[in-house]
């Protein structure tokens, strides 16, 4: 869609001529421009469940939405300006009606509706690209005798579409239920947006040098293996994978203990895989602003900086994270304190045995982690920080 005409409710067709783009050309995703290729049109009709029927102006008018708002919704979803080509379907009209209806009913503000469109568009665009790349490469390689990959695409999508659609809705509902539960359990209205979380970055060491040595296919396989391993470990141990950045993943957890376990397991998993470079992890704990599935704020920036200074095969955490681990009993305040606790318990046991009496006291704390203070150092944009080296504690 394009903002060619703003008087969409007067029944007058928009003027002919080149469209006026209110968004710079380089910011628009032109992958969505309508195609005249017969197979592309057949595939589009199969996937959308309807034929092309409307120009953007006609779709906006039919939906009862201004051309300006329709264009903003369209661009937010990540689709290209298409002038006044007849390329839209009943599904596009219905989508406009639904979004505009949420605004009119007061359930969403207009900016929030734009955010909904943008977050949904960005997430599903990546998913769609991944699915097409993976399915065509994995299921039609090599193509059936006498058929090209393009010719195999239609029957493949015809078979997969209904199953993937149901699966997508199921996963979305599951994720929505989990996210809603986390927010409701905070119990604090302010924390529903600005929450205290543990945020970690895990970064492959020497990845840039690796890109010069490996073939593109090998590099792609390495990145996929790293992302898959990271996603599995983060999810299995109660964290959330925020995003992947090729050689780096960003994850979050509601408590420090969960984040620490994830970080150490990531380092251990990469160390056991001889095909993988070393890994380093930085974690910070504090207030985080969440927007559209991403996280922002000083805590996130600090975690990133800690990652950049972490030794390979190691996890660095900030002071707030270390303090939180000691508060929850996951780590001693210091190894000296832990040693004193053990020595005191041993002395009490010896004294009781000497006196011939039974000692009945609570067992010593079982600490999961050990913390070693590192040298204070300046961190760009954040002042001087004192990182702590996180490790597993061996048996006492």
Protein backbone atom coordinates (compact mmCIF):
# COMPACT_ATOMS: atom_id res chain seq x y z
CA UNK A 1 0.00 0.00 0.00
CA UNK A 2 1.01 3.59 -0.44
CA UNK A 3 -0.32 6.91 0.76
CA UNK A 4 -1.60 7.97 -2.62
CA UNK A 5 -4.81 9.49 -1.41
CA UNK A 6 -6.12 10.38 2.03
CA UNK A 7 -9.79 11.06 1.14
CA UNK A 8 -10.52 7.33 0.95
CA UNK A 9 -14.07 7.73 2.18
CA UNK A 10 -15.41 9.98 -0.61
CA UNK A 11 -15.78 7.25 -3.22
CA UNK A 12 -13.35 8.92 -5.63
CA UNK A 13 -10.65 6.75 -7.17
CA UNK A 14 -7.13 7.99 -6.52
CA UNK A 15 -5.42 9.98 -9.24
CA UNK A 16 -3.23 8.15 -11.71
CA UNK A 17 0.49 8.72 -11.84
CA UNK A 18 3.46 7.72 -9.79
CA UNK A 19 2.75 7.08 -6.11
CA UNK A 20 4.07 9.43 -3.47
CA UNK A 21 6.20 7.51 -0.98
CA UNK A 22 6.14 8.93 2.51
CA UNK A 23 8.67 6.28 3.55
CA UNK A 24 12.16 6.47 2.05
CA UNK A 25 12.65 3.92 -0.71
CA UNK A 26 15.55 2.18 1.05
CA UNK A 27 13.45 1.54 4.18
CA UNK A 28 10.75 -0.42 2.40
CA UNK A 29 10.81 -4.20 2.02
CA UNK A 30 10.34 -4.71 -1.70
CA UNK A 31 10.19 -8.48 -1.42
CA UNK A 32 6.42 -8.19 -1.23
CA UNK A 33 5.90 -6.46 -4.58
CA UNK A 34 3.29 -8.26 -6.69
CA UNK A 35 4.61 -10.67 -9.28
CA UNK A 36 3.20 -11.50 -12.71
CA UNK A 37 4.80 -14.95 -12.70
CA UNK A 38 1.97 -17.52 -13.15
CA UNK A 39 3.41 -19.94 -10.58
CA UNK A 40 3.97 -17.14 -8.07
CA UNK A 41 0.34 -16.04 -8.50
CA UNK A 42 -0.91 -19.63 -8.05
CA UNK A 43 1.20 -20.04 -4.91
CA UNK A 44 -0.02 -16.74 -3.53
CA UNK A 45 -3.65 -17.74 -4.09
CA UNK A 46 -3.00 -21.12 -2.44
CA UNK A 47 -1.39 -19.58 0.63
CA UNK A 48 -3.74 -16.62 1.04
CA UNK A 49 -6.84 -18.60 0.15
CA UNK A 50 -8.11 -15.87 -2.16
CA UNK A 51 -7.38 -14.21 -5.50
CA UNK A 52 -6.18 -10.67 -6.06
CA UNK A 53 -9.14 -8.34 -6.14
CA UNK A 54 -8.38 -4.91 -4.69
CA UNK A 55 -6.03 -2.03 -5.16
CA UNK A 56 -4.73 -0.59 -1.87
CA UNK A 57 -7.19 2.30 -2.18
CA UNK A 58 -10.11 -0.08 -2.75
CA UNK A 59 -9.04 -2.32 0.14
CA UNK A 60 -8.84 0.62 2.53
CA UNK A 61 -12.21 1.97 1.40
CA UNK A 62 -13.86 -1.45 1.69
CA UNK A 63 -12.42 -1.91 5.17
CA UNK A 64 -13.61 1.55 6.19
CA UNK A 65 -10.07 2.65 7.03
CA UNK A 66 -8.30 5.81 5.94
CA UNK A 67 -5.63 5.35 3.29
CA UNK A 68 -3.06 6.86 5.62
CA UNK A 69 -3.76 4.38 8.43
CA UNK A 70 -3.96 1.45 5.99
CA UNK A 71 -0.55 2.38 4.60
CA UNK A 72 0.98 2.57 8.04
CA UNK A 73 -0.46 -0.82 8.98
CA UNK A 74 0.82 -2.29 5.72
CA UNK A 75 4.33 -0.94 6.12
CA UNK A 76 4.42 -1.95 9.80
CA UNK A 77 3.76 -5.53 8.73
CA UNK A 78 6.82 -5.27 6.47
CA UNK A 79 5.20 -5.15 3.04
CA UNK A 80 6.24 -3.01 0.12
CA UNK A 81 4.57 0.01 -1.39
CA UNK A 82 2.79 -1.32 -4.48
CA UNK A 83 1.25 1.83 -5.90
CA UNK A 84 -2.32 1.08 -7.00
CA UNK A 85 -1.75 -2.42 -8.37
CA UNK A 86 -4.69 -4.80 -7.96
CA UNK A 87 -2.82 -7.16 -5.63
CA UNK A 88 -4.82 -7.36 -2.40
CA UNK A 89 -7.41 -9.91 -1.30
CA UNK A 90 -10.35 -10.26 1.07
CA UNK A 91 -7.87 -11.36 3.72
CA UNK A 92 -6.10 -7.99 3.51
CA UNK A 93 -9.41 -6.18 3.91
CA UNK A 94 -10.30 -8.31 6.93
CA UNK A 95 -6.92 -7.67 8.54
CA UNK A 96 -7.40 -3.91 8.15
CA UNK A 97 -10.89 -4.14 9.63
CA UNK A 98 -9.67 -6.11 12.62
CA UNK A 99 -6.79 -3.80 13.48
CA UNK A 100 -8.88 -0.66 12.98
CA UNK A 101 -11.71 -2.26 14.99
CA UNK A 102 -9.40 -2.83 17.96
CA UNK A 103 -8.50 0.86 17.86
CA UNK A 104 -12.11 2.01 17.51
CA UNK A 105 -13.18 -0.21 20.42
CA UNK A 106 -10.51 1.34 22.62
CA UNK A 107 -8.75 -1.99 23.17
CA UNK A 108 -5.60 -0.69 21.49
CA UNK A 109 -4.30 2.79 20.87
CA UNK A 110 -3.30 3.56 17.31
CA UNK A 111 0.45 3.48 18.12
CA UNK A 112 -0.03 0.16 19.91
CA UNK A 113 -1.88 -1.28 16.90
CA UNK A 114 1.06 -0.23 14.73
CA UNK A 115 3.40 -1.99 17.17
CA UNK A 116 1.27 -5.14 17.03
CA UNK A 117 1.46 -5.09 13.24
CA UNK A 118 5.21 -4.48 13.26
CA UNK A 119 6.10 -7.14 15.84
CA UNK A 120 3.89 -9.72 14.14
CA UNK A 121 5.29 -8.84 10.73
CA UNK A 122 8.93 -9.00 11.82
CA UNK A 123 8.51 -12.30 13.65
CA UNK A 124 6.54 -14.06 10.94
CA UNK A 125 8.75 -12.71 8.12
CA UNK A 126 11.78 -14.41 9.61
CA UNK A 127 9.79 -17.56 10.27
CA UNK A 128 8.48 -17.68 6.69
CA UNK A 129 11.94 -17.16 5.19
CA UNK A 130 13.39 -19.89 7.38
CA UNK A 131 10.59 -22.34 6.54
CA UNK A 132 10.86 -21.87 2.79
CA UNK A 133 14.67 -22.08 2.81
CA UNK A 134 14.72 -25.13 5.05
CA UNK A 135 11.84 -27.07 3.55
CA UNK A 136 12.90 -26.57 -0.04
CA UNK A 137 16.50 -27.44 0.77
CA UNK A 138 15.67 -30.38 3.01
CA UNK A 139 12.64 -31.93 1.32
CA UNK A 140 13.27 -31.36 -2.37
CA UNK A 141 17.01 -31.91 -2.66
CA UNK A 142 17.48 -33.23 -5.21
CA UNK A 143 14.15 -32.49 -6.95
CA UNK A 144 12.12 -35.40 -8.22
CA UNK A 145 13.26 -36.69 -11.63
CA UNK A 146 12.22 -34.33 -14.37
CA UNK A 147 11.01 -31.63 -11.95
CA UNK A 148 12.68 -28.40 -10.96
CA UNK A 149 12.73 -27.13 -7.41
CA UNK A 150 10.23 -24.45 -8.44
CA UNK A 151 7.78 -27.04 -9.74
CA UNK A 152 7.98 -29.02 -6.51
CA UNK A 153 7.15 -25.93 -4.43
CA UNK A 154 3.40 -25.91 -5.11
CA UNK A 155 2.55 -29.47 -4.01
CA UNK A 156 4.94 -29.15 -1.08
CA UNK A 157 3.26 -26.01 0.25
CA UNK A 158 -0.17 -27.49 -0.47
CA UNK A 159 0.64 -30.39 1.87
CA UNK A 160 2.44 -28.40 4.57
CA UNK A 161 0.28 -25.28 4.80
CA UNK A 162 -2.66 -26.56 6.90
CA UNK A 163 -0.40 -28.46 9.30
CA UNK A 164 2.01 -25.56 9.77
CA UNK A 165 -0.86 -23.13 10.28
CA UNK A 166 -2.33 -25.22 13.10
CA UNK A 167 1.10 -25.71 14.65
CA UNK A 168 1.87 -21.99 14.49
CA UNK A 169 -1.36 -21.10 16.30
CA UNK A 170 -0.69 -23.77 18.94
CA UNK A 171 2.86 -22.55 19.65
CA UNK A 172 1.71 -18.92 19.72
CA UNK A 173 -1.01 -19.71 22.25
CA UNK A 174 1.45 -21.63 24.41
CA UNK A 175 3.96 -18.79 24.31
CA UNK A 176 1.23 -16.22 25.02
CA UNK A 177 0.05 -18.22 28.03
CA UNK A 178 3.60 -18.47 29.38
CA UNK A 179 4.33 -14.77 28.84
CA UNK A 180 1.02 -13.72 30.42
CA UNK A 181 1.69 -15.93 33.43
CA UNK A 182 5.12 -14.40 33.97
CA UNK A 183 3.75 -10.88 33.84
CA UNK A 184 0.77 -11.56 36.11
CA UNK A 185 2.96 -13.21 38.72
CA UNK A 186 5.01 -10.03 39.15
CA UNK A 187 2.07 -8.52 41.02
CA UNK A 188 3.46 -5.02 40.48
CA UNK A 189 2.01 -2.81 37.75
CA UNK A 190 5.36 -1.08 37.16
CA UNK A 191 7.18 -4.40 36.82
CA UNK A 192 4.82 -5.47 34.05
CA UNK A 193 6.83 -3.22 31.73
CA UNK A 194 10.06 -2.53 33.60
CA UNK A 195 11.02 -5.82 35.24
CA UNK A 196 13.98 -7.14 37.19
CA UNK A 197 15.57 -9.86 35.09
CA UNK A 198 18.86 -11.60 34.58
CA UNK A 199 20.06 -10.90 31.04
CA UNK A 200 22.92 -12.74 29.37
CA UNK A 201 24.87 -12.64 26.13
CA UNK A 202 26.72 -15.74 24.92
CA UNK A 203 29.34 -15.01 22.27
CA UNK A 204 31.47 -17.30 20.10
CA UNK A 205 35.13 -16.32 20.50
CA UNK A 206 37.10 -15.62 17.31
CA UNK A 207 34.07 -15.86 15.04
CA UNK A 208 35.32 -13.13 12.70
CA UNK A 209 38.55 -15.05 12.05
CA UNK A 210 36.48 -18.17 11.51
CA UNK A 211 34.47 -16.51 8.75
CA UNK A 212 37.67 -16.08 6.73
CA UNK A 213 38.56 -19.78 6.95
CA UNK A 214 35.26 -21.57 6.51
CA UNK A 215 33.18 -21.97 3.38
CA UNK A 216 29.76 -20.31 3.46
CA UNK A 217 27.96 -23.63 3.85
CA UNK A 218 30.23 -24.69 6.74
CA UNK A 219 29.74 -21.33 8.41
CA UNK A 220 25.99 -21.61 8.06
CA UNK A 221 26.00 -25.09 9.61
CA UNK A 222 28.13 -23.88 12.52
CA UNK A 223 25.82 -20.93 13.23
CA UNK A 224 22.74 -23.14 13.00
CA UNK A 225 24.27 -25.69 15.39
CA UNK A 226 25.17 -22.91 17.85
CA UNK A 227 21.71 -21.36 17.70
CA UNK A 228 19.98 -24.74 18.03
CA UNK A 229 22.08 -25.80 21.01
CA UNK A 230 21.59 -22.42 22.68
CA UNK A 231 17.84 -22.37 22.10
CA UNK A 232 17.44 -25.91 23.45
CA UNK A 233 19.50 -25.28 26.58
CA UNK A 234 17.89 -21.92 27.36
CA UNK A 235 14.38 -23.32 27.02
CA UNK A 236 15.12 -26.59 28.86
CA UNK A 237 16.39 -24.75 31.94
CA UNK A 238 13.66 -22.15 32.24
CA UNK A 239 15.05 -19.16 30.36
CA UNK A 240 13.88 -17.30 27.28
CA UNK A 241 15.87 -16.83 24.10
CA UNK A 242 15.37 -13.17 23.18
CA UNK A 243 17.22 -13.20 19.86
CA UNK A 244 20.10 -14.69 17.94
CA UNK A 245 22.76 -12.62 16.20
CA UNK A 246 24.75 -15.21 14.29
CA UNK A 247 27.74 -15.60 16.60
CA UNK A 248 25.87 -14.36 19.67
CA UNK A 249 22.64 -15.13 21.51
CA UNK A 250 20.75 -12.98 23.99
CA UNK A 251 18.75 -14.74 26.70
CA UNK A 252 16.88 -13.74 29.84
CA UNK A 253 15.64 -15.43 33.00
CA UNK A 254 13.43 -14.37 35.88
CA UNK A 255 16.04 -15.25 38.51
CA UNK A 256 19.81 -15.25 38.78
CA UNK A 257 20.12 -18.95 39.57
CA UNK A 258 18.37 -19.96 36.36
CA UNK A 259 20.52 -17.59 34.28
CA UNK A 260 23.72 -18.86 35.93
CA UNK A 261 22.81 -22.48 35.22
CA UNK A 262 22.05 -21.68 31.58
CA UNK A 263 25.31 -19.78 31.12
CA UNK A 264 27.48 -22.54 32.55
CA UNK A 265 25.68 -25.24 30.59
CA UNK A 266 26.20 -23.25 27.38
CA UNK A 267 29.94 -22.99 28.07
CA UNK A 268 30.13 -26.69 28.92
CA UNK A 269 28.20 -27.74 25.83
CA UNK A 270 30.40 -25.71 23.48
CA UNK A 271 33.57 -26.97 25.17
CA UNK A 272 32.49 -30.57 24.54
CA UNK A 273 31.94 -29.94 20.83
CA UNK A 274 35.27 -29.97 19.03
CA UNK A 275 33.76 -28.27 15.98
CA UNK A 276 32.76 -25.21 17.99
CA UNK A 277 34.86 -22.19 18.97
CA UNK A 278 35.19 -21.30 22.65
CA UNK A 279 32.29 -19.44 24.24
CA UNK A 280 32.20 -16.51 26.65
CA UNK A 281 29.15 -15.26 28.56
CA UNK A 282 28.31 -12.03 30.35
CA UNK A 283 25.28 -11.66 32.64
CA UNK A 284 23.81 -8.69 34.50
CA UNK A 285 20.84 -8.47 36.85
CA UNK A 286 18.54 -5.50 37.18
CA UNK A 287 15.67 -3.53 35.76
CA UNK A 288 14.96 -4.23 32.11
CA UNK A 289 12.50 -2.60 29.75
CA UNK A 290 10.70 -5.06 27.49
CA UNK A 291 9.31 -4.00 24.13
CA UNK A 292 8.00 -6.18 21.30
CA UNK A 293 9.79 -9.26 22.61
CA UNK A 294 13.13 -7.48 22.98
CA UNK A 295 14.88 -6.12 26.07
CA UNK A 296 16.51 -2.74 26.58
CA UNK A 297 18.25 -0.70 29.24
CA UNK A 298 21.43 -0.32 31.23
CA UNK A 299 21.27 -3.92 32.46
CA UNK A 300 21.32 -5.20 28.88
CA UNK A 301 24.18 -2.88 27.95
CA UNK A 302 26.18 -4.02 30.97
CA UNK A 303 25.68 -7.69 30.09
CA UNK A 304 26.96 -6.97 26.59
CA UNK A 305 30.04 -5.17 27.91
CA UNK A 306 30.78 -8.00 30.37
CA UNK A 307 30.66 -10.46 27.48
CA UNK A 308 33.23 -8.46 25.55
CA UNK A 309 35.75 -8.63 28.43
CA UNK A 310 35.02 -12.20 29.57
CA UNK A 311 37.77 -14.81 29.15
CA UNK A 312 37.00 -17.67 26.81
CA UNK A 313 35.10 -20.63 28.32
CA UNK A 314 34.07 -18.38 31.22
CA UNK A 315 31.07 -16.52 32.62
CA UNK A 316 31.37 -12.97 33.99
CA UNK A 317 28.55 -11.44 36.04
CA UNK A 318 27.97 -8.03 37.56
CA UNK A 319 27.79 -7.15 41.24
CA UNK A 320 23.99 -7.09 41.33
CA UNK A 321 23.88 -10.61 39.90
CA UNK A 322 26.43 -11.84 42.45
CA UNK A 323 24.46 -10.22 45.27
CA UNK A 324 21.25 -11.85 44.07
CA UNK A 325 22.88 -15.30 44.05
CA UNK A 326 24.03 -14.87 47.64
CA UNK A 327 20.59 -13.55 48.68
CA UNK A 328 18.86 -16.65 47.32
CA UNK A 329 21.44 -19.01 48.81
CA UNK A 330 22.74 -20.17 45.44
CA UNK A 331 26.26 -18.94 46.19
CA UNK A 332 28.22 -18.00 49.33
CA UNK A 333 29.13 -14.39 49.88
CA UNK A 334 32.75 -15.56 49.63
CA UNK A 335 34.68 -18.79 49.56
CA UNK A 336 36.16 -17.80 52.91
CA UNK A 337 32.65 -17.69 54.39
CA UNK A 338 31.85 -21.12 52.94
CA UNK A 339 35.09 -22.53 54.37
CA UNK A 340 34.30 -21.04 57.79
CA UNK A 341 30.84 -22.65 57.73
CA UNK A 342 32.36 -26.04 56.96
CA UNK A 343 35.06 -25.66 59.62
CA UNK A 344 32.55 -24.55 62.25
CA UNK A 345 30.24 -27.47 61.46
CA UNK A 346 33.16 -29.92 61.65
CA UNK A 347 34.24 -28.49 65.01
CA UNK A 348 30.72 -28.80 66.41
CA UNK A 349 30.56 -32.41 65.23
CA UNK A 350 33.92 -33.23 66.88
CA UNK A 351 32.88 -31.58 70.13
CA UNK A 352 29.59 -33.46 70.18
CA UNK A 353 31.35 -36.77 69.52
CA UNK A 354 33.86 -36.06 72.28
CA UNK A 355 31.06 -35.35 74.72
CA UNK A 356 29.14 -38.42 73.63
CA UNK A 357 26.06 -36.53 72.58
CA UNK A 358 24.16 -36.42 69.37
CA UNK A 359 24.30 -33.20 67.38
CA UNK A 360 21.06 -32.18 65.77
CA UNK A 361 21.42 -29.18 63.49
CA UNK A 362 20.35 -28.09 60.04
CA UNK A 363 22.56 -29.31 57.19
CA UNK A 364 25.06 -26.93 55.69
CA UNK A 365 23.85 -24.87 52.73
CA UNK A 366 24.36 -26.58 49.40
CA UNK A 367 25.72 -23.84 47.17
CA UNK A 368 25.34 -24.34 43.42
CA UNK A 369 27.77 -21.65 42.34
CA UNK A 370 31.02 -20.06 43.34
CA UNK A 371 31.87 -16.39 42.81
CA UNK A 372 35.36 -14.97 42.41
CA UNK A 373 35.79 -11.17 42.38
CA UNK A 374 37.83 -9.83 39.48
CA UNK A 375 39.74 -6.57 39.12
CA UNK A 376 37.59 -3.48 38.80
CA UNK A 377 37.80 -1.96 35.38
CA UNK A 378 36.21 0.91 33.44
CA UNK A 379 33.50 -0.10 30.99
CA UNK A 380 32.69 2.27 28.17
CA UNK A 381 29.53 4.22 28.88
CA UNK A 382 28.94 2.54 32.26
CA UNK A 383 31.80 3.71 34.45
CA UNK A 384 33.85 1.39 36.66
CA UNK A 385 32.42 -2.08 37.28
CA UNK A 386 33.61 -5.01 39.37
CA UNK A 387 32.93 -8.22 37.47
CA UNK A 388 32.69 -11.59 39.18
CA UNK A 389 33.74 -14.91 37.69
CA UNK A 390 30.93 -17.44 37.99
CA UNK A 391 31.72 -21.14 38.31
CA UNK A 392 30.22 -24.34 39.63
CA UNK A 393 31.15 -25.29 43.17
CA UNK A 394 32.72 -28.70 43.59
CA UNK A 395 31.83 -30.98 46.47
CA UNK A 396 33.09 -29.80 49.85
